[in-house]
């Protein structure tokens, strides 16, 4: 049984991640996934989904409003449903405005939030956040990694900018060890800065 699990792990590691290297969005998402896998699998940080849950809650409210409008209009055809439709459309646009503000000012391109827990339980929990952006028609991948000490209320961040060609070969295959080396150096610089303080 353990041999099968080991073979499955080796098989999963052997599968390369291939993307269309000319599709900036696909390249960014592939690199983001590689960074997320390093934080959650190599370092065993526990992923926190609260940021994503906030966005999903706002989207669910918007969909609920749209369903109410649709059902009300179905049960009471247009002239009778005019007032409810106006209220639903207004509420929908308000929720969409809140969602836009949420993604712009709260999420800020963050694609993973992960907690580093001390196995002994002595040190305070550290919260790691990774965000990135890749401009349209640009090959510069910007990665920002930040760490926040919940107990002390301190935070620190570092960023790096590299060409995607450094992490993806000519066939569009992501080279995980190069992404891992970048993330390792960023983590080391943040933990070294934290120990110096």
C-alpha atoms as a PDB file:
ATOM      1  CA  UNK A   1       0.000   0.000   0.000  1.00  0.00           C
ATOM      2  CA  UNK A   2       2.824   2.395   0.889  1.00  0.00           C
ATOM      3  CA  UNK A   3       4.580   1.508  -2.363  1.00  0.00           C
ATOM      4  CA  UNK A   4       1.477   2.504  -4.323  1.00  0.00           C
ATOM      5  CA  UNK A   5       1.305   5.841  -2.492  1.00  0.00           C
ATOM      6  CA  UNK A   6       5.009   6.458  -3.148  1.00  0.00           C
ATOM      7  CA  UNK A   7       4.569   5.594  -6.843  1.00  0.00           C
ATOM      8  CA  UNK A   8       1.576   7.936  -7.044  1.00  0.00           C
ATOM      9  CA  UNK A   9       3.611  10.764  -5.448  1.00  0.00           C
ATOM     10  CA  UNK A  10       6.478  10.149  -7.869  1.00  0.00           C
ATOM     11  CA  UNK A  11       4.027  10.094 -10.775  1.00  0.00           C
ATOM     12  CA  UNK A  12       2.422  13.385  -9.643  1.00  0.00           C
ATOM     13  CA  UNK A  13       5.828  15.028  -9.307  1.00  0.00           C
ATOM     14  CA  UNK A  14       6.907  13.743 -12.709  1.00  0.00           C
ATOM     15  CA  UNK A  15       3.940  15.298 -14.500  1.00  0.00           C
ATOM     16  CA  UNK A  16       5.054  18.630 -15.916  1.00  0.00           C
ATOM     17  CA  UNK A  17       2.812  21.685 -15.856  1.00  0.00           C
ATOM     18  CA  UNK A  18       2.448  22.852 -19.433  1.00  0.00           C
ATOM     19  CA  UNK A  19       0.890  26.177 -20.421  1.00  0.00           C
ATOM     20  CA  UNK A  20       0.492  28.235 -23.538  1.00  0.00           C
ATOM     21  CA  UNK A  21       3.502  30.493 -23.059  1.00  0.00           C
ATOM     22  CA  UNK A  22       1.853  33.240 -25.122  1.00  0.00           C
ATOM     23  CA  UNK A  23      -1.184  33.435 -22.847  1.00  0.00           C
ATOM     24  CA  UNK A  24      -0.180  35.819 -20.042  1.00  0.00           C
ATOM     25  CA  UNK A  25      -3.110  34.891 -17.834  1.00  0.00           C
ATOM     26  CA  UNK A  26      -2.371  31.158 -18.078  1.00  0.00           C
ATOM     27  CA  UNK A  27       1.324  31.763 -17.374  1.00  0.00           C
ATOM     28  CA  UNK A  28       0.540  33.906 -14.318  1.00  0.00           C
ATOM     29  CA  UNK A  29      -1.927  31.321 -12.974  1.00  0.00           C
ATOM     30  CA  UNK A  30       0.569  28.477 -13.486  1.00  0.00           C
ATOM     31  CA  UNK A  31       3.302  30.363 -11.637  1.00  0.00           C
ATOM     32  CA  UNK A  32       0.845  31.337  -8.879  1.00  0.00           C
ATOM     33  CA  UNK A  33      -0.139  27.679  -8.478  1.00  0.00           C
ATOM     34  CA  UNK A  34       3.527  26.675  -8.288  1.00  0.00           C
ATOM     35  CA  UNK A  35       4.163  29.250  -5.530  1.00  0.00           C
ATOM     36  CA  UNK A  36       1.039  28.129  -3.660  1.00  0.00           C
ATOM     37  CA  UNK A  37       2.118  24.478  -3.864  1.00  0.00           C
ATOM     38  CA  UNK A  38       5.531  25.346  -2.453  1.00  0.00           C
ATOM     39  CA  UNK A  39       4.022  27.159   0.533  1.00  0.00           C
ATOM     40  CA  UNK A  40       1.385  24.542   1.298  1.00  0.00           C
ATOM     41  CA  UNK A  41       3.202  21.328   0.380  1.00  0.00           C
ATOM     42  CA  UNK A  42       6.916  21.915   0.918  1.00  0.00           C
ATOM     43  CA  UNK A  43       6.618  24.139   3.977  1.00  0.00           C
ATOM     44  CA  UNK A  44       3.325  22.620   5.210  1.00  0.00           C
ATOM     45  CA  UNK A  45       1.696  25.985   5.821  1.00  0.00           C
ATOM     46  CA  UNK A  46      -2.052  25.726   6.377  1.00  0.00           C
ATOM     47  CA  UNK A  47      -4.035  27.568   3.718  1.00  0.00           C
ATOM     48  CA  UNK A  48      -6.612  30.064   4.956  1.00  0.00           C
ATOM     49  CA  UNK A  49      -9.614  30.562   2.672  1.00  0.00           C
ATOM     50  CA  UNK A  50     -11.266  33.511   4.475  1.00  0.00           C
ATOM     51  CA  UNK A  51     -10.270  36.029   1.782  1.00  0.00           C
ATOM     52  CA  UNK A  52     -11.770  33.836  -0.937  1.00  0.00           C
ATOM     53  CA  UNK A  53     -14.828  33.126   1.214  1.00  0.00           C
ATOM     54  CA  UNK A  54     -15.531  36.864   1.444  1.00  0.00           C
ATOM     55  CA  UNK A  55     -15.580  37.161  -2.331  1.00  0.00           C
ATOM     56  CA  UNK A  56     -17.769  34.067  -2.667  1.00  0.00           C
ATOM     57  CA  UNK A  57     -20.224  35.455  -0.088  1.00  0.00           C
ATOM     58  CA  UNK A  58     -20.574  38.714  -2.022  1.00  0.00           C
ATOM     59  CA  UNK A  59     -21.037  36.810  -5.296  1.00  0.00           C
ATOM     60  CA  UNK A  60     -23.656  34.566  -3.665  1.00  0.00           C
ATOM     61  CA  UNK A  61     -25.601  37.606  -2.453  1.00  0.00           C
ATOM     62  CA  UNK A  62     -25.540  39.053  -5.980  1.00  0.00           C
ATOM     63  CA  UNK A  63     -26.757  35.774  -7.484  1.00  0.00           C
ATOM     64  CA  UNK A  64     -29.474  35.565  -4.819  1.00  0.00           C
ATOM     65  CA  UNK A  65     -30.685  39.050  -5.726  1.00  0.00           C
ATOM     66  CA  UNK A  66     -30.768  38.111  -9.416  1.00  0.00           C
ATOM     67  CA  UNK A  67     -32.747  34.938  -8.641  1.00  0.00           C
ATOM     68  CA  UNK A  68     -35.277  36.900  -6.562  1.00  0.00           C
ATOM     69  CA  UNK A  69     -35.748  39.341  -9.439  1.00  0.00           C
ATOM     70  CA  UNK A  70     -36.154  36.515 -11.941  1.00  0.00           C
ATOM     71  CA  UNK A  71     -38.650  34.570  -9.830  1.00  0.00           C
ATOM     72  CA  UNK A  72     -40.647  37.660  -8.893  1.00  0.00           C
ATOM     73  CA  UNK A  73     -40.906  38.682 -12.536  1.00  0.00           C
ATOM     74  CA  UNK A  74     -41.920  35.120 -13.465  1.00  0.00           C
ATOM     75  CA  UNK A  75     -44.660  35.019 -10.796  1.00  0.00           C
ATOM     76  CA  UNK A  76     -45.831  38.599 -11.474  1.00  0.00           C
ATOM     77  CA  UNK A  77     -45.121  39.608 -15.103  1.00  0.00           C
ATOM     78  CA  UNK A  78     -43.504  42.961 -15.868  1.00  0.00           C
ATOM     79  CA  UNK A  79     -45.870  45.760 -15.139  1.00  0.00           C
ATOM     80  CA  UNK A  80     -46.682  44.298 -11.719  1.00  0.00           C
ATOM     81  CA  UNK A  81     -43.046  43.517 -10.870  1.00  0.00           C
ATOM     82  CA  UNK A  82     -41.629  46.918 -11.789  1.00  0.00           C
ATOM     83  CA  UNK A  83     -40.932  48.091  -8.220  1.00  0.00           C
ATOM     84  CA  UNK A  84     -39.312  44.843  -7.116  1.00  0.00           C
ATOM     85  CA  UNK A  85     -37.140  44.779 -10.245  1.00  0.00           C
ATOM     86  CA  UNK A  86     -35.941  48.334  -9.582  1.00  0.00           C
ATOM     87  CA  UNK A  87     -35.026  47.393  -6.003  1.00  0.00           C
ATOM     88  CA  UNK A  88     -33.266  44.181  -7.111  1.00  0.00           C
ATOM     89  CA  UNK A  89     -31.318  45.879  -9.901  1.00  0.00           C
ATOM     90  CA  UNK A  90     -30.222  48.670  -7.529  1.00  0.00           C
ATOM     91  CA  UNK A  91     -29.201  46.170  -4.854  1.00  0.00           C
ATOM     92  CA  UNK A  92     -27.315  44.109  -7.445  1.00  0.00           C
ATOM     93  CA  UNK A  93     -25.271  47.111  -8.591  1.00  0.00           C
ATOM     94  CA  UNK A  94     -24.526  48.080  -4.986  1.00  0.00           C
ATOM     95  CA  UNK A  95     -23.278  44.559  -4.224  1.00  0.00           C
ATOM     96  CA  UNK A  96     -21.179  44.581  -7.414  1.00  0.00           C
ATOM     97  CA  UNK A  97     -19.671  47.920  -6.333  1.00  0.00           C
ATOM     98  CA  UNK A  98     -18.820  46.439  -2.928  1.00  0.00           C
ATOM     99  CA  UNK A  99     -17.310  43.398  -4.660  1.00  0.00           C
ATOM    100  CA  UNK A 100     -15.151  45.651  -6.841  1.00  0.00           C
ATOM    101  CA  UNK A 101     -13.911  47.556  -3.778  1.00  0.00           C
ATOM    102  CA  UNK A 102     -13.282  44.261  -1.964  1.00  0.00           C
ATOM    103  CA  UNK A 103     -11.176  42.781  -4.767  1.00  0.00           C
ATOM    104  CA  UNK A 104      -9.305  46.057  -5.326  1.00  0.00           C
ATOM    105  CA  UNK A 105      -8.514  47.102  -1.761  1.00  0.00           C
ATOM    106  CA  UNK A 106      -8.815  43.926   0.327  1.00  0.00           C
ATOM    107  CA  UNK A 107      -7.621  41.121  -1.970  1.00  0.00           C
ATOM    108  CA  UNK A 108      -5.039  43.207  -3.871  1.00  0.00           C
ATOM    109  CA  UNK A 109      -4.065  40.287  -6.102  1.00  0.00           C
ATOM    110  CA  UNK A 110      -3.453  37.939  -3.170  1.00  0.00           C
ATOM    111  CA  UNK A 111      -3.757  34.369  -4.400  1.00  0.00           C
ATOM    112  CA  UNK A 112      -2.814  32.489  -1.240  1.00  0.00           C
ATOM    113  CA  UNK A 113      -2.984  33.148   2.492  1.00  0.00           C
ATOM    114  CA  UNK A 114      -1.281  30.505   4.600  1.00  0.00           C
ATOM    115  CA  UNK A 115      -0.585  30.155   8.314  1.00  0.00           C
ATOM    116  CA  UNK A 116       2.717  28.905   9.660  1.00  0.00           C
ATOM    117  CA  UNK A 117       2.030  27.207  12.964  1.00  0.00           C
ATOM    118  CA  UNK A 118       4.668  26.419  15.531  1.00  0.00           C
ATOM    119  CA  UNK A 119       4.557  22.644  16.168  1.00  0.00           C
ATOM    120  CA  UNK A 120       5.473  23.177  19.832  1.00  0.00           C
ATOM    121  CA  UNK A 121       2.927  25.948  20.239  1.00  0.00           C
ATOM    122  CA  UNK A 122       5.367  28.445  21.767  1.00  0.00           C
ATOM    123  CA  UNK A 123       5.960  30.888  18.931  1.00  0.00           C
ATOM    124  CA  UNK A 124       3.060  32.966  17.620  1.00  0.00           C
ATOM    125  CA  UNK A 125       1.353  32.044  14.379  1.00  0.00           C
ATOM    126  CA  UNK A 126       2.729  33.715  11.262  1.00  0.00           C
ATOM    127  CA  UNK A 127       0.457  34.533   8.340  1.00  0.00           C
ATOM    128  CA  UNK A 128       2.033  34.442   4.883  1.00  0.00           C
ATOM    129  CA  UNK A 129       0.415  36.160   1.893  1.00  0.00           C
ATOM    130  CA  UNK A 130       1.497  35.887  -1.720  1.00  0.00           C
ATOM    131  CA  UNK A 131       0.299  38.229  -4.432  1.00  0.00           C
ATOM    132  CA  UNK A 132       1.409  38.706  -7.997  1.00  0.00           C
ATOM    133  CA  UNK A 133       0.724  40.518 -11.186  1.00  0.00           C
ATOM    134  CA  UNK A 134       1.744  40.223 -14.791  1.00  0.00           C
ATOM    135  CA  UNK A 135       0.907  43.140 -17.056  1.00  0.00           C
ATOM    136  CA  UNK A 136      -0.685  42.483 -20.407  1.00  0.00           C
ATOM    137  CA  UNK A 137       1.876  41.993 -23.184  1.00  0.00           C
ATOM    138  CA  UNK A 138       4.696  41.978 -20.611  1.00  0.00           C
ATOM    139  CA  UNK A 139       6.984  39.142 -19.568  1.00  0.00           C
ATOM    140  CA  UNK A 140       7.831  40.490 -16.086  1.00  0.00           C
ATOM    141  CA  UNK A 141       6.263  38.388 -13.324  1.00  0.00           C
ATOM    142  CA  UNK A 142       6.016  40.377 -10.078  1.00  0.00           C
ATOM    143  CA  UNK A 143       5.722  38.309  -6.908  1.00  0.00           C
ATOM    144  CA  UNK A 144       5.174  39.897  -3.497  1.00  0.00           C
ATOM    145  CA  UNK A 145       5.508  37.753  -0.387  1.00  0.00           C
ATOM    146  CA  UNK A 146       4.595  39.143   3.016  1.00  0.00           C
ATOM    147  CA  UNK A 147       4.601  37.764   6.527  1.00  0.00           C
ATOM    148  CA  UNK A 148       2.531  39.034   9.432  1.00  0.00           C
ATOM    149  CA  UNK A 149       3.023  38.199  13.092  1.00  0.00           C
ATOM    150  CA  UNK A 150      -0.502  38.113  14.522  1.00  0.00           C
ATOM    151  CA  UNK A 151       0.585  38.431  18.147  1.00  0.00           C
ATOM    152  CA  UNK A 152       3.142  41.211  17.759  1.00  0.00           C
ATOM    153  CA  UNK A 153       1.181  43.009  15.048  1.00  0.00           C
ATOM    154  CA  UNK A 154       4.264  43.381  12.851  1.00  0.00           C
ATOM    155  CA  UNK A 155       4.565  42.674   9.165  1.00  0.00           C
ATOM    156  CA  UNK A 156       7.294  42.529   6.577  1.00  0.00           C
ATOM    157  CA  UNK A 157       7.311  41.978   2.840  1.00  0.00           C
ATOM    158  CA  UNK A 158       9.639  41.382  -0.026  1.00  0.00           C
ATOM    159  CA  UNK A 159       9.116  41.368  -3.761  1.00  0.00           C
ATOM    160  CA  UNK A 160      10.871  40.062  -6.803  1.00  0.00           C
ATOM    161  CA  UNK A 161      10.478  40.735 -10.502  1.00  0.00           C
ATOM    162  CA  UNK A 162      11.654  38.219 -13.092  1.00  0.00           C
ATOM    163  CA  UNK A 163      10.944  37.355 -16.669  1.00  0.00           C
ATOM    164  CA  UNK A 164       8.596  34.402 -17.075  1.00  0.00           C
ATOM    165  CA  UNK A 165      11.223  32.930 -19.411  1.00  0.00           C
ATOM    166  CA  UNK A 166      13.273  32.187 -16.278  1.00  0.00           C
ATOM    167  CA  UNK A 167      10.578  29.784 -15.022  1.00  0.00           C
ATOM    168  CA  UNK A 168       9.050  28.417 -18.240  1.00  0.00           C
ATOM    169  CA  UNK A 169      11.013  26.691 -20.965  1.00  0.00           C
ATOM    170  CA  UNK A 170      10.555  27.113 -24.718  1.00  0.00           C
ATOM    171  CA  UNK A 171       7.905  24.361 -24.787  1.00  0.00           C
ATOM    172  CA  UNK A 172       5.749  26.111 -22.181  1.00  0.00           C
ATOM    173  CA  UNK A 173       6.637  23.758 -19.320  1.00  0.00           C
ATOM    174  CA  UNK A 174       6.981  25.284 -15.838  1.00  0.00           C
ATOM    175  CA  UNK A 175      10.295  24.437 -14.171  1.00  0.00           C
ATOM    176  CA  UNK A 176       9.315  23.919 -10.507  1.00  0.00           C
ATOM    177  CA  UNK A 177      12.836  23.925  -9.045  1.00  0.00           C
ATOM    178  CA  UNK A 178      13.443  27.465 -10.345  1.00  0.00           C
ATOM    179  CA  UNK A 179      10.178  28.746  -8.858  1.00  0.00           C
ATOM    180  CA  UNK A 180      11.063  26.938  -5.640  1.00  0.00           C
ATOM    181  CA  UNK A 181      14.502  28.572  -5.516  1.00  0.00           C
ATOM    182  CA  UNK A 182      12.897  32.014  -5.883  1.00  0.00           C
ATOM    183  CA  UNK A 183      10.332  31.350  -3.135  1.00  0.00           C
ATOM    184  CA  UNK A 184      12.992  29.839  -0.848  1.00  0.00           C
ATOM    185  CA  UNK A 185      15.181  32.935  -1.136  1.00  0.00           C
ATOM    186  CA  UNK A 186      12.215  35.223  -0.465  1.00  0.00           C
ATOM    187  CA  UNK A 187      11.186  33.193   2.596  1.00  0.00           C
ATOM    188  CA  UNK A 188      14.753  33.187   3.847  1.00  0.00           C
ATOM    189  CA  UNK A 189      15.078  36.960   3.508  1.00  0.00           C
ATOM    190  CA  UNK A 190      11.805  37.513   5.385  1.00  0.00           C
ATOM    191  CA  UNK A 191      12.666  35.103   8.203  1.00  0.00           C
ATOM    192  CA  UNK A 192      16.204  36.536   8.454  1.00  0.00           C
ATOM    193  CA  UNK A 193      14.769  40.077   8.702  1.00  0.00           C
ATOM    194  CA  UNK A 194      12.374  38.862  11.390  1.00  0.00           C
ATOM    195  CA  UNK A 195      15.167  37.266  13.445  1.00  0.00           C
ATOM    196  CA  UNK A 196      17.307  40.412  13.189  1.00  0.00           C
ATOM    197  CA  UNK A 197      14.591  42.525  14.827  1.00  0.00           C
END
